[in-house]
Amino acid sequence: MHGLINRAIQCFLRDTYGHPLWSAVAQAAQPGLEGFEPMLLYEPGLTDRVIDAAARLLARPRDTVLEDLGIYLVSHPNVQGLRRLLRFGGATFVDFLQSLEELPGRARLAVPDIDLPTLELQDHSATEFTLICRSAIHGAGHVVVGLLRAMADDYGALCLVDHCGSGPEGERISITLAQAGFSAGRQFELARATPGGTR
């Protein structure tokens, strides 16, 4: 598993629950583990052990921990780079959904060996969608559920997102768009402000 993915899990646990919790999770997953280097590769089983240890120590279902991770990846101030990458997917939430299949390829332009979940969007109508998620991480679809809920808020869309279980094709996520312009959403500009107020 790519270190960037493991590092994201580490940062989520540390930023949300504090360093002592992260240290306890790391030791439970692999004695002697202190943290992850973003550009190294790790055996996939270690990622699952970290998630399982976090769920056990937090006394929360694994799926809930993964959904919270997805929300963190969009909403926490320490990871605004990912939010910007996702917002480049389009001006509306539906545009963003339509761009999800391209996300792993866009990520590999920056990090060639990163292995993000494969996403396939199925349109049933202008407001009803199914997203198929395939990943080496068990339950990665729950991360996507959290991410989608946070992105709906980011766009100001009223949207119902539910994990519908797994099948031979992958994990299935149901998306129902109730109202595209439900609220103002969070401010976003394509160009970052630079010191002195110039672009």
C-alpha atoms as a PDB file:
ATOM      1  CA  MET A   1       0.000   0.000   0.000  1.00  0.00           C
ATOM      2  CA  HIS A   2       1.293   3.457  -0.864  1.00  0.00           C
ATOM      3  CA  GLY A   3       2.612   5.459   2.068  1.00  0.00           C
ATOM      4  CA  LEU A   4       0.456   8.453   1.157  1.00  0.00           C
ATOM      5  CA  ILE A   5      -2.690   6.442   1.890  1.00  0.00           C
ATOM      6  CA  ASN A   6      -1.329   5.135   5.185  1.00  0.00           C
ATOM      7  CA  ARG A   7      -0.099   8.611   6.100  1.00  0.00           C
ATOM      8  CA  ALA A   8      -3.601  10.000   5.476  1.00  0.00           C
ATOM      9  CA  ILE A   9      -5.022   7.469   7.946  1.00  0.00           C
ATOM     10  CA  GLN A  10      -2.323   8.385  10.466  1.00  0.00           C
ATOM     11  CA  CYS A  11      -3.039  12.116  10.129  1.00  0.00           C
ATOM     12  CA  PHE A  12      -6.785  11.543  10.433  1.00  0.00           C
ATOM     13  CA  LEU A  13      -6.384   9.646  13.701  1.00  0.00           C
ATOM     14  CA  ARG A  14      -3.817  12.085  15.090  1.00  0.00           C
ATOM     15  CA  ASP A  15      -5.692  15.254  14.087  1.00  0.00           C
ATOM     16  CA  THR A  16      -9.092  13.945  15.194  1.00  0.00           C
ATOM     17  CA  TYR A  17      -8.271  11.979  18.354  1.00  0.00           C
ATOM     18  CA  GLY A  18      -4.789  13.112  19.372  1.00  0.00           C
ATOM     19  CA  HIS A  19      -1.269  11.716  19.217  1.00  0.00           C
ATOM     20  CA  PRO A  20      -1.703   9.262  22.135  1.00  0.00           C
ATOM     21  CA  LEU A  21      -4.514   7.491  20.286  1.00  0.00           C
ATOM     22  CA  TRP A  22      -2.437   7.286  17.113  1.00  0.00           C
ATOM     23  CA  SER A  23       0.514   5.867  19.083  1.00  0.00           C
ATOM     24  CA  ALA A  24      -1.717   3.208  20.636  1.00  0.00           C
ATOM     25  CA  VAL A  25      -3.134   2.277  17.222  1.00  0.00           C
ATOM     26  CA  ALA A  26       0.345   2.070  15.684  1.00  0.00           C
ATOM     27  CA  GLN A  27       1.634  -0.234  18.426  1.00  0.00           C
ATOM     28  CA  ALA A  28      -1.458  -2.432  18.211  1.00  0.00           C
ATOM     29  CA  ALA A  29      -1.093  -2.743  14.438  1.00  0.00           C
ATOM     30  CA  GLN A  30       2.659  -3.377  14.423  1.00  0.00           C
ATOM     31  CA  PRO A  31       4.917  -3.123  17.476  1.00  0.00           C
ATOM     32  CA  GLY A  32       7.596  -0.502  16.894  1.00  0.00           C
ATOM     33  CA  LEU A  33       5.603   1.389  14.262  1.00  0.00           C
ATOM     34  CA  GLU A  34       5.797   5.150  14.817  1.00  0.00           C
ATOM     35  CA  GLY A  35       4.403   6.472  11.558  1.00  0.00           C
ATOM     36  CA  PHE A  36       4.360   6.206   7.784  1.00  0.00           C
ATOM     37  CA  GLU A  37       6.657   7.784   5.215  1.00  0.00           C
ATOM     38  CA  PRO A  38       4.524   9.225   2.394  1.00  0.00           C
ATOM     39  CA  MET A  39       6.624   7.950  -0.521  1.00  0.00           C
ATOM     40  CA  LEU A  40       7.340   4.403   0.696  1.00  0.00           C
ATOM     41  CA  LEU A  41       5.308   1.279  -0.050  1.00  0.00           C
ATOM     42  CA  TYR A  42       3.907  -0.935   2.733  1.00  0.00           C
ATOM     43  CA  GLU A  43       2.379  -4.387   2.726  1.00  0.00           C
ATOM     44  CA  PRO A  44      -1.421  -4.126   2.313  1.00  0.00           C
ATOM     45  CA  GLY A  45      -2.214  -6.074   5.464  1.00  0.00           C
ATOM     46  CA  LEU A  46      -0.681  -3.343   7.615  1.00  0.00           C
ATOM     47  CA  THR A  47      -3.281  -0.828   6.424  1.00  0.00           C
ATOM     48  CA  ASP A  48      -6.119  -3.160   7.426  1.00  0.00           C
ATOM     49  CA  ARG A  49      -4.508  -3.782  10.827  1.00  0.00           C
ATOM     50  CA  VAL A  50      -4.259  -0.027  11.466  1.00  0.00           C
ATOM     51  CA  ILE A  51      -7.940   0.477  10.598  1.00  0.00           C
ATOM     52  CA  ASP A  52      -9.002  -2.515  12.696  1.00  0.00           C
ATOM     53  CA  ALA A  53      -6.931  -1.314  15.667  1.00  0.00           C
ATOM     54  CA  ALA A  54      -8.421   2.177  15.405  1.00  0.00           C
ATOM     55  CA  ALA A  55     -11.970   0.798  15.359  1.00  0.00           C
ATOM     56  CA  ARG A  56     -11.237  -1.427  18.351  1.00  0.00           C
ATOM     57  CA  LEU A  57      -9.572   1.292  20.454  1.00  0.00           C
ATOM     58  CA  LEU A  58     -12.264   3.832  19.598  1.00  0.00           C
ATOM     59  CA  ALA A  59     -15.009   1.256  20.235  1.00  0.00           C
ATOM     60  CA  ARG A  60     -16.622   2.263  16.958  1.00  0.00           C
ATOM     61  CA  PRO A  61     -17.621   0.170  13.910  1.00  0.00           C
ATOM     62  CA  ARG A  62     -14.911  -0.071  11.282  1.00  0.00           C
ATOM     63  CA  ASP A  63     -17.302   1.286   8.623  1.00  0.00           C
ATOM     64  CA  THR A  64     -17.981   4.397  10.729  1.00  0.00           C
ATOM     65  CA  VAL A  65     -14.268   5.045  11.211  1.00  0.00           C
ATOM     66  CA  LEU A  66     -13.758   4.783   7.452  1.00  0.00           C
ATOM     67  CA  GLU A  67     -16.640   7.182   6.721  1.00  0.00           C
ATOM     68  CA  ASP A  68     -15.165   9.671   9.201  1.00  0.00           C
ATOM     69  CA  LEU A  69     -11.846   9.347   7.373  1.00  0.00           C
ATOM     70  CA  GLY A  70     -13.572  10.291   4.128  1.00  0.00           C
ATOM     71  CA  ILE A  71     -15.130  13.364   5.726  1.00  0.00           C
ATOM     72  CA  TYR A  72     -11.769  14.357   7.214  1.00  0.00           C
ATOM     73  CA  LEU A  73     -10.047  14.148   3.823  1.00  0.00           C
ATOM     74  CA  VAL A  74     -12.325  16.884   2.469  1.00  0.00           C
ATOM     75  CA  SER A  75     -13.137  19.063   5.453  1.00  0.00           C
ATOM     76  CA  HIS A  76     -10.063  19.246   7.703  1.00  0.00           C
ATOM     77  CA  PRO A  77      -7.827  22.331   7.240  1.00  0.00           C
ATOM     78  CA  ASN A  78      -4.682  20.162   7.177  1.00  0.00           C
ATOM     79  CA  VAL A  79      -5.707  18.382   3.951  1.00  0.00           C
ATOM     80  CA  GLN A  80      -7.007  21.177   1.744  1.00  0.00           C
ATOM     81  CA  GLY A  81      -4.903  19.942  -1.184  1.00  0.00           C
ATOM     82  CA  LEU A  82      -7.231  16.982  -1.730  1.00  0.00           C
ATOM     83  CA  ARG A  83     -10.297  19.206  -1.528  1.00  0.00           C
ATOM     84  CA  ARG A  84      -8.817  21.414  -4.265  1.00  0.00           C
ATOM     85  CA  LEU A  85      -8.082  18.371  -6.441  1.00  0.00           C
ATOM     86  CA  LEU A  86     -11.677  17.193  -6.048  1.00  0.00           C
ATOM     87  CA  ARG A  87     -13.198  20.628  -6.702  1.00  0.00           C
ATOM     88  CA  PHE A  88     -11.347  20.793 -10.016  1.00  0.00           C
ATOM     89  CA  GLY A  89     -13.802  18.068 -11.067  1.00  0.00           C
ATOM     90  CA  GLY A  90     -16.476  20.626 -11.939  1.00  0.00           C
ATOM     91  CA  ALA A  91     -18.552  23.647 -11.030  1.00  0.00           C
ATOM     92  CA  THR A  92     -21.521  21.632  -9.680  1.00  0.00           C
ATOM     93  CA  PHE A  93     -21.893  18.522  -7.573  1.00  0.00           C
ATOM     94  CA  VAL A  94     -23.177  16.558 -10.583  1.00  0.00           C
ATOM     95  CA  ASP A  95     -20.137  17.697 -12.595  1.00  0.00           C
ATOM     96  CA  PHE A  96     -18.000  16.446  -9.720  1.00  0.00           C
ATOM     97  CA  LEU A  97     -19.741  13.062  -9.751  1.00  0.00           C
ATOM     98  CA  GLN A  98     -19.208  12.760 -13.498  1.00  0.00           C
ATOM     99  CA  SER A  99     -15.471  13.393 -13.002  1.00  0.00           C
ATOM    100  CA  LEU A 100     -14.929  10.718 -10.349  1.00  0.00           C
ATOM    101  CA  GLU A 101     -13.921   8.009 -12.821  1.00  0.00           C
ATOM    102  CA  GLU A 102     -10.990  10.214 -13.888  1.00  0.00           C
ATOM    103  CA  LEU A 103      -9.776  10.822 -10.317  1.00  0.00           C
ATOM    104  CA  PRO A 104      -7.357   7.854 -10.021  1.00  0.00           C
ATOM    105  CA  GLY A 105      -5.729   8.828 -13.322  1.00  0.00           C
ATOM    106  CA  ARG A 106      -5.366  12.461 -12.254  1.00  0.00           C
ATOM    107  CA  ALA A 107      -3.780  11.356  -8.985  1.00  0.00           C
ATOM    108  CA  ARG A 108      -1.303   9.132 -10.835  1.00  0.00           C
ATOM    109  CA  LEU A 109      -0.082  12.133 -12.822  1.00  0.00           C
ATOM    110  CA  ALA A 110       1.334  13.435  -9.553  1.00  0.00           C
ATOM    111  CA  VAL A 111       2.120  10.097  -7.853  1.00  0.00           C
ATOM    112  CA  PRO A 112       2.547   7.382 -10.530  1.00  0.00           C
ATOM    113  CA  ASP A 113       2.495   4.369  -8.195  1.00  0.00           C
ATOM    114  CA  ILE A 114      -0.466   5.356  -5.994  1.00  0.00           C
ATOM    115  CA  ASP A 115      -3.306   2.836  -6.012  1.00  0.00           C
ATOM    116  CA  LEU A 116      -6.574   4.692  -5.435  1.00  0.00           C
ATOM    117  CA  PRO A 117      -9.933   2.899  -5.621  1.00  0.00           C
ATOM    118  CA  THR A 118     -11.341   2.416  -9.102  1.00  0.00           C
ATOM    119  CA  LEU A 119     -14.660   4.261  -9.428  1.00  0.00           C
ATOM    120  CA  GLU A 120     -17.457   3.655 -11.941  1.00  0.00           C
ATOM    121  CA  LEU A 121     -20.494   5.958 -12.037  1.00  0.00           C
ATOM    122  CA  GLN A 122     -23.838   4.678 -13.294  1.00  0.00           C
ATOM    123  CA  ASP A 123     -26.455   7.329 -14.177  1.00  0.00           C
ATOM    124  CA  HIS A 124     -30.065   6.250 -13.598  1.00  0.00           C
ATOM    125  CA  SER A 125     -31.557   9.737 -14.009  1.00  0.00           C
ATOM    126  CA  ALA A 126     -30.525  13.360 -13.560  1.00  0.00           C
ATOM    127  CA  THR A 127     -30.702  12.881  -9.781  1.00  0.00           C
ATOM    128  CA  GLU A 128     -30.134   9.144  -9.179  1.00  0.00           C
ATOM    129  CA  PHE A 129     -26.706   7.531  -9.412  1.00  0.00           C
ATOM    130  CA  THR A 130     -24.849   4.398  -8.351  1.00  0.00           C
ATOM    131  CA  LEU A 131     -21.103   4.510  -7.769  1.00  0.00           C
ATOM    132  CA  ILE A 132     -19.139   1.246  -7.933  1.00  0.00           C
ATOM    133  CA  CYS A 133     -15.952   1.239  -5.874  1.00  0.00           C
ATOM    134  CA  ARG A 134     -13.188  -1.358  -6.246  1.00  0.00           C
ATOM    135  CA  SER A 135     -10.192  -1.264  -3.932  1.00  0.00           C
ATOM    136  CA  ALA A 136      -7.567  -3.443  -2.266  1.00  0.00           C
ATOM    137  CA  ILE A 137      -8.646  -1.923   1.064  1.00  0.00           C
ATOM    138  CA  HIS A 138     -11.609  -3.769   2.567  1.00  0.00           C
ATOM    139  CA  GLY A 139     -14.460  -1.291   3.041  1.00  0.00           C
ATOM    140  CA  ALA A 140     -12.891   1.548   1.050  1.00  0.00           C
ATOM    141  CA  GLY A 141     -16.373   2.351  -0.242  1.00  0.00           C
ATOM    142  CA  HIS A 142     -17.194   3.724   3.205  1.00  0.00           C
ATOM    143  CA  VAL A 143     -14.344   6.233   2.832  1.00  0.00           C
ATOM    144  CA  VAL A 144     -15.928   7.265  -0.475  1.00  0.00           C
ATOM    145  CA  VAL A 145     -19.329   7.633   1.239  1.00  0.00           C
ATOM    146  CA  GLY A 146     -17.851  10.041   3.776  1.00  0.00           C
ATOM    147  CA  LEU A 147     -16.000  11.903   1.057  1.00  0.00           C
ATOM    148  CA  LEU A 148     -19.163  12.250  -1.062  1.00  0.00           C
ATOM    149  CA  ARG A 149     -21.212  13.533   1.877  1.00  0.00           C
ATOM    150  CA  ALA A 150     -18.549  16.127   2.667  1.00  0.00           C
ATOM    151  CA  MET A 151     -18.276  17.157  -0.980  1.00  0.00           C
ATOM    152  CA  ALA A 152     -22.059  17.551  -1.236  1.00  0.00           C
ATOM    153  CA  ASP A 153     -21.855  19.985   1.686  1.00  0.00           C
ATOM    154  CA  ASP A 154     -18.900  21.683   0.017  1.00  0.00           C
ATOM    155  CA  TYR A 155     -20.961  22.289  -3.130  1.00  0.00           C
ATOM    156  CA  GLY A 156     -24.078  23.239  -1.147  1.00  0.00           C
ATOM    157  CA  ALA A 157     -26.043  20.263  -2.483  1.00  0.00           C
ATOM    158  CA  LEU A 158     -28.656  18.323  -0.504  1.00  0.00           C
ATOM    159  CA  CYS A 159     -27.751  14.737  -1.238  1.00  0.00           C
ATOM    160  CA  LEU A 160     -28.444  11.276   0.217  1.00  0.00           C
ATOM    161  CA  VAL A 161     -25.458   8.918   0.046  1.00  0.00           C
ATOM    162  CA  ASP A 162     -25.709   5.326   1.270  1.00  0.00           C
ATOM    163  CA  HIS A 163     -23.445   2.293   1.170  1.00  0.00           C
ATOM    164  CA  CYS A 164     -25.462  -0.562  -0.322  1.00  0.00           C
ATOM    165  CA  GLY A 165     -23.088  -3.445   0.332  1.00  0.00           C
ATOM    166  CA  SER A 166     -20.615  -5.352  -1.798  1.00  0.00           C
ATOM    167  CA  GLY A 167     -20.995  -7.670  -4.761  1.00  0.00           C
ATOM    168  CA  PRO A 168     -18.862  -9.276  -7.461  1.00  0.00           C
ATOM    169  CA  GLU A 169     -18.495  -5.911  -9.197  1.00  0.00           C
ATOM    170  CA  GLY A 170     -17.375  -4.085  -6.028  1.00  0.00           C
ATOM    171  CA  GLU A 171     -18.935  -1.939  -3.325  1.00  0.00           C
ATOM    172  CA  ARG A 172     -22.133  -0.152  -4.349  1.00  0.00           C
ATOM    173  CA  ILE A 173     -22.918   3.397  -3.254  1.00  0.00           C
ATOM    174  CA  SER A 174     -26.341   4.941  -3.866  1.00  0.00           C
ATOM    175  CA  ILE A 175     -26.451   8.702  -4.525  1.00  0.00           C
ATOM    176  CA  THR A 176     -29.697  10.679  -4.652  1.00  0.00           C
ATOM    177  CA  LEU A 177     -29.481  14.399  -5.375  1.00  0.00           C
ATOM    178  CA  ALA A 178     -32.459  16.082  -3.687  1.00  0.00           C
ATOM    179  CA  GLN A 179     -31.506  19.706  -4.356  1.00  0.00           C
ATOM    180  CA  ALA A 180     -28.413  20.980  -6.151  1.00  0.00           C
ATOM    181  CA  GLY A 181     -28.474  24.493  -4.676  1.00  0.00           C
ATOM    182  CA  PHE A 182     -29.674  23.737  -1.160  1.00  0.00           C
ATOM    183  CA  SER A 183     -27.136  26.086   0.474  1.00  0.00           C
ATOM    184  CA  ALA A 184     -24.326  28.409  -0.522  1.00  0.00           C
ATOM    185  CA  GLY A 185     -21.616  25.803  -0.019  1.00  0.00           C
ATOM    186  CA  ARG A 186     -18.036  26.563   0.921  1.00  0.00           C
ATOM    187  CA  GLN A 187     -16.065  29.229  -0.883  1.00  0.00           C
ATOM    188  CA  PHE A 188     -13.732  27.918  -3.575  1.00  0.00           C
ATOM    189  CA  GLU A 189     -11.544  29.681  -6.119  1.00  0.00           C
ATOM    190  CA  LEU A 190      -9.583  27.959  -8.873  1.00  0.00           C
ATOM    191  CA  ALA A 191      -6.582  30.216  -8.319  1.00  0.00           C
ATOM    192  CA  ARG A 192      -4.945  30.319  -4.915  1.00  0.00           C
ATOM    193  CA  ALA A 193      -4.356  33.660  -3.294  1.00  0.00           C
ATOM    194  CA  THR A 194      -0.693  34.585  -3.048  1.00  0.00           C
ATOM    195  CA  PRO A 195       0.978  36.868  -0.491  1.00  0.00           C
ATOM    196  CA  GLY A 196       0.007  40.465  -1.186  1.00  0.00           C
ATOM    197  CA  GLY A 197      -3.411  39.489  -2.541  1.00  0.00           C
ATOM    198  CA  THR A 198      -2.298  38.735  -6.131  1.00  0.00           C
ATOM    199  CA  ARG A 199      -3.195  35.570  -8.047  1.00  0.00           C
END
